[in-house]
Protein backbone atom coordinates (compact mmCIF):
# COMPACT_ATOMS: atom_id res chain seq x y z
CA UNK A 1 -6.55 5.03 -44.07
CA UNK A 2 -6.44 6.91 -40.91
CA UNK A 3 -3.73 6.17 -38.79
CA UNK A 4 -3.52 6.87 -35.40
CA UNK A 5 -0.04 7.52 -33.07
CA UNK A 6 0.41 7.68 -29.51
CA UNK A 7 2.51 10.89 -28.42
CA UNK A 8 4.02 9.96 -25.08
CA UNK A 9 5.69 12.95 -24.45
CA UNK A 10 2.75 14.97 -24.71
CA UNK A 11 0.39 12.63 -23.78
CA UNK A 12 -1.92 12.51 -26.82
CA UNK A 13 -2.78 10.68 -29.97
CA UNK A 14 -2.17 12.14 -32.86
CA UNK A 15 -4.69 11.54 -35.78
CA UNK A 16 -3.70 11.73 -39.47
CA UNK A 17 -7.20 10.89 -41.57
CA UNK A 18 -7.21 10.37 -45.46
CA UNK A 19 -8.97 13.44 -45.70
CA UNK A 20 -9.01 16.15 -43.36
CA UNK A 21 -12.54 17.43 -42.25
CA UNK A 22 -13.49 20.93 -42.91
CA UNK A 23 -13.99 23.18 -39.87
CA UNK A 24 -17.62 22.89 -40.53
CA UNK A 25 -17.72 19.12 -40.85
CA UNK A 26 -15.89 18.47 -37.93
CA UNK A 27 -18.83 17.86 -35.68
CA UNK A 28 -20.04 15.20 -37.93
CA UNK A 29 -16.65 13.75 -38.61
CA UNK A 30 -15.97 13.18 -35.20
CA UNK A 31 -18.87 11.65 -34.53
CA UNK A 32 -18.36 9.38 -36.94
CA UNK A 33 -15.00 8.67 -36.06
CA UNK A 34 -15.55 8.18 -32.58
CA UNK A 35 -18.93 5.79 -33.18
CA UNK A 36 -17.62 2.66 -31.40
CA UNK A 37 -19.43 0.33 -28.78
CA UNK A 38 -17.50 1.22 -25.99
CA UNK A 39 -17.72 5.51 -26.32
CA UNK A 40 -20.29 7.52 -25.06
CA UNK A 41 -20.11 11.05 -26.84
CA UNK A 42 -20.79 14.20 -25.00
CA UNK A 43 -20.47 17.72 -26.03
CA UNK A 44 -19.43 19.69 -28.67
CA UNK A 45 -18.02 23.00 -28.52
CA UNK A 46 -16.85 25.21 -31.27
CA UNK A 47 -14.29 28.19 -31.60
CA UNK A 48 -13.07 30.11 -34.13
CA UNK A 49 -10.13 28.18 -34.89
CA UNK A 50 -10.27 24.97 -32.38
CA UNK A 51 -13.21 22.68 -31.84
CA UNK A 52 -13.72 20.06 -29.72
CA UNK A 53 -15.84 16.99 -28.96
CA UNK A 54 -15.57 15.46 -25.37
CA UNK A 55 -16.36 11.70 -24.84
CA UNK A 56 -15.70 8.80 -22.90
CA UNK A 57 -13.77 5.58 -22.82
CA UNK A 58 -14.11 2.86 -20.32
CA UNK A 59 -15.76 5.77 -18.03
CA UNK A 60 -12.97 8.10 -18.27
CA UNK A 61 -13.24 11.64 -19.92
CA UNK A 62 -11.29 12.37 -23.25
CA UNK A 63 -11.75 15.20 -25.77
CA UNK A 64 -11.27 15.02 -29.54
CA UNK A 65 -9.38 18.40 -30.84
CA UNK A 66 -9.41 19.75 -33.87
CA UNK A 67 -7.19 22.86 -35.02
CA UNK A 68 -8.81 24.14 -38.36
CA UNK A 69 -5.65 26.69 -39.21
CA UNK A 70 -3.03 23.97 -38.46
CA UNK A 71 -5.23 21.10 -39.93
CA UNK A 72 -4.26 19.22 -36.41
CA UNK A 73 -6.54 16.38 -34.83
CA UNK A 74 -5.73 14.66 -31.59
CA UNK A 75 -7.10 13.20 -28.83
CA UNK A 76 -6.28 14.28 -25.26
CA UNK A 77 -7.09 12.64 -22.05
CA UNK A 78 -9.01 14.72 -19.17
CA UNK A 79 -7.32 13.62 -16.06
CA UNK A 80 -4.61 11.27 -14.60
CA UNK A 81 -6.96 8.12 -14.85
CA UNK A 82 -7.68 8.99 -18.36
CA UNK A 83 -3.68 9.31 -19.02
CA UNK A 84 -3.32 5.23 -18.19
CA UNK A 85 -5.97 4.23 -20.73
CA UNK A 86 -4.31 6.57 -23.68
CA UNK A 87 -2.52 3.51 -25.27
CA UNK A 88 -5.55 1.08 -24.94
CA UNK A 89 -7.64 3.87 -26.64
CA UNK A 90 -5.15 4.00 -29.29
CA UNK A 91 -5.01 0.34 -29.84
CA UNK A 92 -8.85 0.32 -29.63
CA UNK A 93 -9.56 2.97 -32.51
CA UNK A 94 -6.81 1.31 -34.74
CA UNK A 95 -8.19 -1.68 -34.79
CA UNK A 96 -12.01 -0.32 -35.36
């Protein structure tokens, strides 16, 4: 089971999946993870060690990040308005 925890100090949601996706599977994994009624998916970008999938929740922008070399997954808010929704988003994704 994937667990989520809100890191208030860094204003991110830490994601701990049962099985960490491989770098070449992250886009697919992220689209499945974020496939929710209240989320609209945006662009995917890929680098050598880091990948990102943009999305909107409650009309506010967020980013799902993956660092391959450290096996780190997290969601970051894109702006002050989005930061106010991090706790709500954590509960929304945890309940799904």
